[in-house]
Protein backbone atom coordinates (compact mmCIF):
# COMPACT_ATOMS: atom_id res chain seq x y z
CA MET A 1 -85.00 17.23 129.85
CA PRO A 2 -83.98 20.04 132.51
CA ALA A 3 -86.65 20.80 135.32
CA LYS A 4 -88.60 23.92 134.42
CA GLY A 5 -86.77 26.72 135.94
CA THR A 6 -83.50 25.08 136.09
CA LYS A 7 -80.25 27.53 134.86
CA ILE A 8 -78.59 25.56 132.19
CA ARG A 9 -75.24 26.43 131.98
CA GLN A 10 -73.53 27.64 128.36
CA TYR A 11 -70.24 26.83 127.86
CA SER A 12 -67.98 26.35 124.94
CA ARG A 13 -65.74 23.84 123.42
CA ARG A 14 -62.84 25.81 124.28
CA ASP A 15 -64.12 26.17 128.14
CA LEU A 16 -64.19 22.22 128.46
CA LYS A 17 -60.62 21.78 126.63
CA LEU A 18 -59.32 24.39 129.09
CA ALA A 19 -60.84 22.80 132.18
CA LEU A 20 -59.64 19.29 130.96
CA GLU A 21 -56.28 20.85 130.73
CA ALA A 22 -56.19 21.97 133.89
CA LEU A 23 -57.40 18.58 135.64
CA ASP A 24 -54.53 16.79 133.33
CA ARG A 25 -51.70 19.24 134.94
CA ARG A 26 -53.50 19.11 138.82
CA GLU A 27 -53.67 22.73 138.84
CA LEU A 28 -57.14 22.55 140.24
CA THR A 29 -59.69 19.89 141.53
CA LEU A 30 -62.76 18.86 139.66
CA ASN A 31 -65.05 21.17 141.67
CA LYS A 32 -62.78 24.17 141.03
CA ALA A 33 -62.00 23.49 137.61
CA ALA A 34 -65.86 23.09 136.91
CA ARG A 35 -66.66 26.68 138.69
CA ARG A 36 -63.86 28.22 136.85
CA TYR A 37 -64.74 27.31 133.51
CA ASN A 38 -68.53 27.17 133.87
CA VAL A 39 -68.33 23.60 132.88
CA PRO A 40 -71.04 21.19 134.64
CA ARG A 41 -69.49 18.98 137.00
CA SER A 42 -71.05 15.87 135.73
CA THR A 43 -70.23 16.58 132.19
CA LEU A 44 -66.67 17.87 133.14
CA ALA A 45 -65.92 14.29 135.11
CA LYS A 46 -67.67 11.91 132.45
CA PHE A 47 -64.93 13.46 129.57
CA ASN A 48 -62.23 13.28 132.13
CA GLU A 49 -62.61 9.68 132.41
CA ASN A 50 -63.43 9.19 128.77
CA ARG A 51 -60.05 9.87 127.16
CA ASP A 52 -61.55 9.97 123.80
CA ARG A 53 -62.33 13.65 124.01
CA ASN A 54 -63.44 14.37 120.45
CA VAL A 55 -66.72 13.70 121.38
CA ARG A 56 -69.26 15.69 120.25
CA ILE A 57 -71.02 18.12 123.01
CA GLY A 58 -74.42 19.45 122.96
CA PRO A 59 -77.56 17.91 121.70
CA THR A 60 -77.53 14.68 119.07
CA PRO A 61 -77.32 16.76 115.48
CA THR A 62 -79.61 15.97 112.87
CA PHE A 63 -77.40 15.14 110.22
CA THR A 64 -73.93 13.43 110.03
CA THR A 65 -71.00 15.10 110.03
CA GLN A 66 -70.74 13.59 106.10
CA GLU A 67 -73.97 14.49 105.33
CA GLU A 68 -73.33 18.11 106.38
CA ARG A 69 -69.80 18.00 104.69
CA GLN A 70 -71.57 17.13 101.28
CA MET A 71 -73.82 20.20 101.73
CA VAL A 72 -71.09 22.51 102.58
CA GLU A 73 -69.06 21.21 99.41
CA TRP A 74 -72.38 21.59 97.44
CA VAL A 75 -72.74 24.93 98.15
CA GLU A 76 -69.61 26.01 97.75
CA ASP A 77 -69.15 24.39 94.47
CA LEU A 78 -72.41 26.31 93.03
CA ARG A 79 -70.83 29.47 94.06
CA HIS A 80 -67.74 28.59 91.96
CA ALA A 81 -69.75 27.66 89.28
CA GLY A 82 -71.60 30.90 88.88
CA MET A 83 -74.77 29.88 90.25
CA ALA A 84 -77.29 31.44 93.11
CA VAL A 85 -77.54 29.31 95.87
CA LYS A 86 -80.55 30.41 98.50
CA ARG A 87 -81.14 29.72 102.07
CA SER A 88 -84.33 27.80 100.92
CA ASP A 89 -82.35 25.90 98.23
CA LEU A 90 -80.41 25.18 101.74
CA LEU A 91 -83.29 23.85 103.33
CA GLU A 92 -84.33 21.69 100.36
CA ALA A 93 -81.40 19.94 100.29
CA ALA A 94 -81.55 18.91 104.05
CA GLN A 95 -85.52 17.76 103.11
CA TRP A 96 -84.26 15.95 100.33
CA ILE A 97 -81.53 13.78 102.55
CA LEU A 98 -84.40 13.32 105.59
CA GLU A 99 -86.95 12.15 102.73
CA THR A 100 -84.08 9.73 101.38
CA TYR A 101 -82.43 8.51 104.70
CA PRO A 102 -85.53 8.69 107.17
CA ARG A 103 -84.76 9.07 110.47
CA GLN A 104 -86.33 10.26 113.93
CA THR A 105 -86.24 14.10 113.66
CA LYS A 106 -88.57 17.25 113.27
CA LYS A 107 -90.19 18.11 109.98
CA ILE A 108 -88.47 21.04 108.26
CA LYS A 109 -90.69 23.72 107.74
CA ASP A 110 -89.69 25.69 104.81
CA ASN A 111 -92.48 28.33 105.39
CA SER A 112 -92.46 29.26 109.16
CA PRO A 113 -89.35 31.88 109.58
CA SER A 114 -89.49 30.85 113.29
CA GLY A 115 -89.55 27.03 113.06
CA PHE A 116 -86.96 24.35 112.73
CA GLY A 117 -85.90 25.20 109.49
CA ALA A 118 -84.77 29.00 110.14
CA SER A 119 -82.95 28.16 113.43
CA TRP A 120 -81.45 24.96 111.83
CA VAL A 121 -80.01 27.55 108.89
CA ARG A 122 -78.63 29.53 111.60
CA ALA A 123 -76.31 27.07 113.30
CA PHE A 124 -75.32 25.53 109.97
CA GLU A 125 -73.80 28.53 109.23
CA ARG A 126 -72.19 28.79 112.99
CA ARG A 127 -70.60 25.28 112.33
CA HIS A 128 -69.73 26.17 108.87
CA PRO A 129 -68.70 29.97 108.54
CA SER A 130 -67.67 29.88 104.75
CA VAL A 131 -71.27 28.81 103.76
CA THR A 132 -72.49 32.56 104.78
CA ALA A 133 -70.61 33.86 102.13
CA CYS A 134 -71.79 31.49 99.22
CA LEU A 135 -75.31 31.67 99.95
CA GLN A 136 -77.28 34.74 98.04
CA VAL A 137 -79.53 36.99 99.90
CA GLU A 138 -81.48 39.39 97.51
CA PRO A 139 -80.68 43.02 98.38
CA PHE A 140 -83.85 45.55 98.56
CA GLY A 141 -84.01 49.04 99.31
CA GLU A 142 -80.77 51.17 99.91
CA ASP A 143 -79.07 48.14 101.38
CA LYS A 144 -78.49 46.95 97.56
CA PRO A 145 -74.74 46.74 96.73
CA ALA A 146 -73.34 48.15 93.76
CA ALA A 147 -73.63 45.29 90.89
CA VAL A 148 -70.61 43.50 90.14
CA PRO A 149 -68.63 43.95 87.12
CA GLU A 150 -69.22 41.55 84.35
CA ARG A 151 -65.49 40.64 84.02
CA GLU A 152 -65.22 39.73 87.26
CA CYS A 153 -67.91 37.35 87.65
CA PHE A 154 -66.76 35.91 84.71
CA GLU A 155 -62.93 35.77 85.95
CA GLU A 156 -64.32 33.95 89.10
CA VAL A 157 -65.78 31.15 87.08
CA TYR A 158 -62.99 30.65 84.25
CA GLN A 159 -60.48 30.29 87.24
CA HIS A 160 -62.67 27.43 88.45
CA LEU A 161 -62.68 25.78 84.91
CA GLN A 162 -59.08 26.33 84.23
CA ALA A 163 -57.97 23.43 85.63
CA LEU A 164 -60.41 21.48 83.03
CA ASP A 165 -58.57 21.08 79.65
CA VAL A 166 -62.14 20.36 77.71
CA PHE A 167 -62.16 23.82 76.11
CA SER A 168 -60.04 22.70 73.20
CA GLU A 169 -62.78 19.84 72.02
CA PRO A 170 -65.75 21.81 71.18
CA GLY A 171 -67.48 17.98 71.37
CA ARG A 172 -67.35 18.51 75.43
CA LEU A 173 -69.24 21.72 76.33
CA PHE A 174 -72.65 22.11 75.84
CA LYS A 175 -75.66 24.49 77.16
CA CYS A 176 -79.25 24.00 77.74
CA ASN A 177 -81.69 25.73 76.35
CA GLU A 178 -85.63 26.11 77.31
CA ILE A 179 -88.21 27.33 75.55
CA GLY A 180 -91.71 27.88 76.84
CA PHE A 181 -94.83 27.66 74.45
CA GLY A 182 -98.00 29.66 75.46
CA PHE A 183 -101.35 28.85 73.22
CA SER A 184 -103.92 31.47 73.25
CA PHE A 185 -106.69 29.48 71.42
CA ASN A 186 -107.78 27.00 74.36
CA ILE A 187 -105.36 24.85 74.81
CA ALA A 188 -106.11 24.50 78.45
CA GLN A 189 -110.17 23.44 77.93
CA SER A 190 -108.37 19.74 76.82
CA PHE A 191 -106.11 19.22 80.34
CA GLU A 192 -107.90 16.76 82.44
CA LYS A 193 -106.87 17.88 85.65
CA PRO A 194 -106.99 21.73 87.13
CA VAL A 195 -103.56 22.87 87.81
CA ASN A 196 -102.47 25.85 90.43
CA GLY A 197 -106.18 25.80 91.97
CA THR A 198 -108.96 26.96 89.72
CA LYS A 199 -106.83 28.14 87.26
CA ARG A 200 -105.19 25.51 84.15
CA ALA A 201 -101.85 26.05 83.09
CA ASP A 202 -101.02 26.66 79.17
CA LEU A 203 -97.55 25.94 79.32
CA ILE A 204 -95.14 23.63 77.33
CA THR A 205 -91.78 23.78 77.98
CA ALA A 206 -88.90 22.01 75.52
CA ALA A 207 -85.41 21.74 76.60
CA PHE A 208 -82.46 21.87 73.97
CA ILE A 209 -79.04 20.73 74.98
CA THR A 210 -76.68 21.68 71.89
CA SER A 211 -72.75 21.56 71.75
CA ALA A 212 -70.29 23.85 70.65
CA ALA A 213 -69.37 21.65 67.94
CA GLY A 214 -72.94 21.93 66.11
CA ARG A 215 -74.77 19.35 67.52
CA LEU A 216 -78.10 18.95 69.09
CA ALA A 217 -78.82 16.32 71.83
CA PHE A 218 -82.12 14.76 72.75
CA PRO A 219 -84.38 17.28 73.91
CA MET A 220 -87.38 17.10 76.53
CA ILE A 221 -90.56 17.95 76.67
CA VAL A 222 -92.63 19.15 79.85
CA TYR A 223 -96.19 18.52 79.99
CA PRO A 224 -98.48 20.97 82.73
CA TYR A 225 -99.49 17.49 84.88
CA ARG A 226 -99.30 17.07 88.40
CA GLU A 227 -99.82 13.16 88.29
CA THR A 228 -98.02 10.78 85.72
CA ILE A 229 -98.65 11.41 82.26
CA PRO A 230 -101.44 9.51 80.17
CA LEU A 231 -100.17 6.43 78.31
CA GLU A 232 -101.59 8.12 75.18
CA LEU A 233 -99.92 11.34 75.67
CA ALA A 234 -96.57 9.51 76.44
CA ALA A 235 -96.85 7.55 73.33
CA THR A 236 -96.53 10.85 70.88
CA VAL A 237 -93.56 11.94 71.95
CA PRO A 238 -90.70 10.97 69.35
CA LEU A 239 -88.04 8.59 70.17
CA PHE A 240 -85.36 9.23 72.35
CA TYR A 241 -86.77 12.44 73.44
CA GLY A 242 -87.34 12.67 77.18
CA CYS A 243 -90.71 13.68 78.78
CA GLY A 244 -91.97 15.14 82.35
CA ASN A 245 -94.78 16.95 83.82
CA SER A 246 -94.66 19.54 86.45
CA ALA A 247 -98.01 21.51 87.99
CA THR A 248 -96.82 24.62 85.88
CA GLY A 249 -95.67 22.98 82.67
CA MET A 250 -92.38 24.45 83.19
CA MET A 251 -88.61 22.62 84.33
CA THR A 252 -88.47 21.79 87.91
CA LYS A 253 -85.64 20.45 89.85
CA ASP A 254 -87.44 16.73 89.44
CA THR A 255 -87.53 17.30 85.77
CA PHE A 256 -84.08 19.12 85.06
CA TYR A 257 -82.83 15.76 87.25
CA ASN A 258 -84.35 13.34 84.87
CA TYR A 259 -83.56 15.50 81.45
CA VAL A 260 -79.66 15.34 82.35
CA THR A 261 -79.05 12.07 84.24
CA LYS A 262 -81.28 9.99 81.77
CA THR A 263 -81.95 11.47 78.49
CA PHE A 264 -78.59 13.57 78.38
CA PHE A 265 -76.54 10.76 79.63
CA LYS A 266 -77.59 8.34 77.24
CA PHE A 267 -76.92 10.93 74.49
CA LEU A 268 -73.32 11.00 75.83
CA MET A 269 -72.99 7.16 75.53
CA LEU A 270 -74.62 6.41 72.29
CA ASN A 271 -72.25 9.10 70.83
CA ARG A 272 -69.30 7.71 72.70
CA VAL A 273 -68.54 11.58 74.12
CA LYS A 274 -65.32 11.66 76.19
CA LEU A 275 -65.83 12.32 80.13
CA PRO A 276 -65.83 14.51 81.67
CA VAL A 277 -68.23 17.18 79.90
CA ILE A 278 -69.34 20.70 80.73
CA LEU A 279 -72.51 21.86 80.56
CA PHE A 280 -73.50 25.24 81.13
CA VAL A 281 -77.25 25.77 82.50
CA ASP A 282 -79.12 29.08 83.82
CA GLY A 283 -77.46 30.06 87.01
CA THR A 284 -80.51 32.05 88.25
CA ARG A 285 -82.95 29.30 88.49
CA PRO A 286 -82.34 26.37 91.52
CA ASN A 287 -82.67 23.68 89.38
CA VAL A 288 -79.45 22.09 90.39
CA SER A 289 -80.21 20.32 93.47
CA LEU A 290 -78.31 18.25 95.99
CA ASP A 291 -79.28 15.05 94.28
CA LEU A 292 -78.30 16.16 91.01
CA TRP A 293 -74.92 17.54 91.78
CA LYS A 294 -74.00 13.99 93.64
CA ALA A 295 -75.48 11.87 90.17
CA CYS A 296 -73.56 14.57 87.99
CA ARG A 297 -70.50 13.87 89.86
CA LYS A 298 -70.57 10.28 89.19
CA LEU A 299 -71.57 10.71 85.89
CA GLY A 300 -68.96 13.05 84.86
CA ILE A 301 -71.24 16.18 83.96
CA ILE A 302 -69.52 18.97 85.44
CA LEU A 303 -72.58 21.48 85.48
CA MET A 304 -71.77 25.44 85.36
CA ALA A 305 -73.54 28.78 84.53
CA PHE A 306 -73.74 30.44 81.46
CA ASN A 307 -75.05 33.73 82.71
CA PRO A 308 -72.25 34.00 86.19
CA ASP A 309 -72.66 38.10 85.64
CA GLU A 310 -76.76 37.73 85.86
CA SER A 311 -77.19 35.15 89.10
CA ARG A 312 -74.46 37.10 91.43
CA ASN A 313 -76.26 40.61 90.49
CA CYS A 314 -79.88 38.50 91.26
CA LYS A 315 -81.22 39.34 87.61
CA LYS A 316 -83.39 36.86 85.13
CA HIS A 317 -82.34 35.63 82.54
CA ILE A 318 -84.24 36.74 79.01
CA ALA A 319 -84.55 33.61 77.72
CA TYR A 320 -85.96 34.20 74.13
CA ALA A 321 -82.75 37.00 73.11
CA THR A 322 -81.07 33.42 71.88
CA PRO A 323 -80.96 32.71 68.39
CA LEU A 324 -82.15 29.24 68.56
CA THR A 325 -84.93 30.17 70.48
CA ARG A 326 -86.18 32.71 68.01
CA VAL A 327 -85.83 30.35 65.33
CA VAL A 328 -87.95 27.39 66.95
CA LYS A 329 -90.62 29.56 68.51
CA GLY A 330 -90.93 31.08 64.71
CA GLN A 331 -91.13 27.99 62.79
CA LEU A 332 -93.60 26.49 65.59
CA ASP A 333 -95.78 29.47 65.56
CA ASP A 334 -95.80 29.07 61.65
CA ALA A 335 -96.82 25.73 62.31
CA LEU A 336 -99.61 26.46 64.58
CA LEU A 337 -101.16 29.07 62.15
CA ARG A 338 -100.82 26.32 59.37
CA TRP A 339 -102.37 23.68 61.34
CA LYS A 340 -105.41 26.25 62.89
CA ASP A 341 -106.39 26.95 59.20
CA ALA A 342 -106.34 23.06 58.11
CA ASN A 343 -108.14 22.03 61.35
CA SER A 344 -110.80 25.05 62.08
CA ASP A 345 -113.42 22.95 63.71
CA ARG A 346 -110.84 21.40 66.27
CA PHE A 347 -108.96 22.97 69.22
CA ILE A 348 -105.76 21.95 69.17
CA SER A 349 -104.09 20.40 72.50
CA GLU A 350 -100.77 18.75 74.11
CA MET A 351 -101.61 15.57 71.76
CA ASN A 352 -100.44 17.78 68.41
CA PHE A 353 -98.01 19.34 70.38
CA THR A 354 -95.00 16.85 68.73
CA GLU A 355 -96.39 16.39 66.03
CA LEU A 356 -95.46 20.40 65.27
CA LEU A 357 -92.17 20.69 67.31
CA TYR A 358 -90.58 17.72 65.48
CA PRO A 359 -90.65 18.72 61.99
CA ALA A 360 -90.01 22.27 63.53
CA VAL A 361 -86.44 21.43 65.37
CA GLN A 362 -85.56 18.75 62.75
CA GLY A 363 -85.82 21.49 59.73
CA SER A 364 -84.72 24.39 61.37
CA VAL A 365 -82.13 23.51 64.15
CA THR A 366 -79.35 22.95 61.88
CA GLU A 367 -75.46 22.61 62.37
CA GLU A 368 -75.28 26.63 61.31
CA LEU A 369 -77.98 27.67 63.35
CA ILE A 370 -76.41 26.05 66.36
CA LEU A 371 -72.75 27.45 66.06
CA ARG A 372 -74.29 30.54 65.21
CA ASP A 373 -76.24 30.52 69.00
CA TRP A 374 -73.22 29.78 70.36
CA GLN A 375 -71.27 33.05 68.91
CA ALA A 376 -73.84 34.72 70.85
CA PHE A 377 -72.77 33.22 73.63
CA SER A 378 -70.87 35.74 75.83
CA PHE A 379 -69.48 33.95 78.47
CA TYR A 380 -68.25 31.39 75.91
CA GLN A 381 -66.98 33.86 73.95
CA TRP A 382 -65.16 35.84 76.53
CA ILE A 383 -63.24 32.40 77.81
CA LEU A 384 -62.26 31.78 73.75
CA LYS A 385 -60.72 35.06 74.05
CA ARG A 386 -59.44 34.81 77.23
CA ARG A 387 -57.78 31.35 76.21
CA THR A 388 -56.30 32.97 72.97
CA ARG A 389 -54.97 36.03 74.83
CA VAL A 390 -53.09 33.82 77.47
CA GLU A 391 -52.18 31.67 74.66
CA GLU A 392 -50.35 34.77 72.70
CA ILE A 393 -48.47 35.81 75.96
CA GLU A 394 -46.95 32.38 76.19
CA PHE A 395 -46.03 32.32 72.34
CA VAL A 396 -44.20 35.45 72.45
CA SER A 397 -42.56 34.54 75.80
CA ALA A 398 -41.55 31.03 74.13
CA ASP A 399 -40.22 33.38 70.80
CA LEU A 400 -37.90 35.72 73.55
CA GLU A 401 -36.71 32.35 75.25
CA THR A 402 -35.92 31.29 71.70
CA GLU A 403 -33.92 34.10 70.29
CA GLN A 404 -31.69 34.64 73.90
CA GLN A 405 -31.01 31.15 73.21
CA GLN A 406 -29.26 31.41 69.29
CA GLU A 407 -27.69 34.78 70.63
CA GLU A 408 -26.09 33.02 73.45
CA GLU A 409 -24.85 30.33 70.78
CA CYS A 410 -23.61 32.44 68.42
CA VAL A 411 -21.83 33.95 71.29
CA GLN A 412 -20.23 31.30 72.71
CA PRO A 413 -17.69 30.09 69.88
CA ASP A 414 -16.05 33.96 70.08
CA LEU A 415 -15.84 33.26 73.73
CA GLU A 416 -14.10 29.66 73.69
CA VAL A 417 -11.47 30.76 71.49
CA GLU A 418 -7.63 30.44 72.85
CA PRO A 419 -4.32 31.29 71.69
CA PRO A 420 -2.54 28.45 73.12
CA VAL A 421 0.22 28.29 70.14
CA GLU A 422 3.60 29.41 72.23
CA GLU A 423 2.32 27.36 74.89
CA ALA A 424 2.63 24.21 72.82
CA LYS A 425 6.31 25.05 71.65
CA GLU A 426 7.76 26.01 74.95
CA PRO A 427 8.03 21.98 75.63
CA LEU A 428 9.35 21.33 72.34
CA ALA A 429 11.79 24.07 72.86
CA THR A 430 13.13 22.27 76.03
CA LEU A 431 13.25 19.30 75.29
CA ALA A 432 16.01 20.51 72.51
CA GLU A 433 18.15 22.51 74.65
CA THR A 434 18.53 19.08 76.76
């Protein structure tokens, strides 16, 4: 640590490289090279003695080169997949690395604009300029840019998907729908622990993954509990259903990680679905963490945004607009009213939720409904039309080539006809004369 008041020289990697090259050519002495290129003499002497000059200058970095490369790949891959990635998500990814692989360093302060977190993000963007273009900054006021057209957003993600040959197999295409169920008759009174201070959450989230072939994967239920779900509540969850907990009862990064890597992957293995598969998720919500991205790469699950136009233009996704969501919520509302009529002297609690949800899902979520839900999936329908248009162009070009070949074959015999009748008689006449 330099003494107080000591002037620290600022030099770049290029300055150090030029000074070392001047020493190699013996154009300058050590002292003159240090003064000309503003590099400390001791540093220049150390690098001049050490022939391995790929050593990194400056303080010891918090993360290794491989860890930073993974974060860069994660940010760029989510951007190409049509998802929104913010600087706060990058800080959470860095915090996850520090918690998973502990080391002696400062804590990342997410809420401090001038703390280690903000300074580290600025330095990270300087080291990796490509990340800056991928991070989303929500615009405010007059600086808000013009909205990106829907077709341009779809085309950008489609180019990323074009190399994957999965669209010809609808059974390998999946989409995740999240439905939040809130109750108005004192369901919150049955919760044991307070959520969000003095308030109690009254929201239970159910997630459904469906395939383009009309199949329903194993659903998941998220209960509003800060700590572990009680055993008596977990016992009410149907077989193969996933369950999780969060403080608000909404899907979080941890619950979504468990749903995709455990419940959904179990469905893929039991049904022997060919990998890799594509899972369309909400791109406006930061649920695709760094650890989920790494796990999905190993499992063969490719995460894509089903609404790249909304995530690109900083819009919120309207979940209740899908046919599947409307039908399931309508069926559960009817079951809830019937339960209230039959149990007028009791308050409904989370213990009765699966008792109402399971029959509603089994009776209403049919193959016809799932296919109708995919027909309302605008991005998927755009992909099908885009692929059909390309196939039609290829088909027309193939027909034109076939017609040209047939015309050449028809014309070729006429061109090869030779009249060599007189040439064949000349040698016979010569022999007769002799």
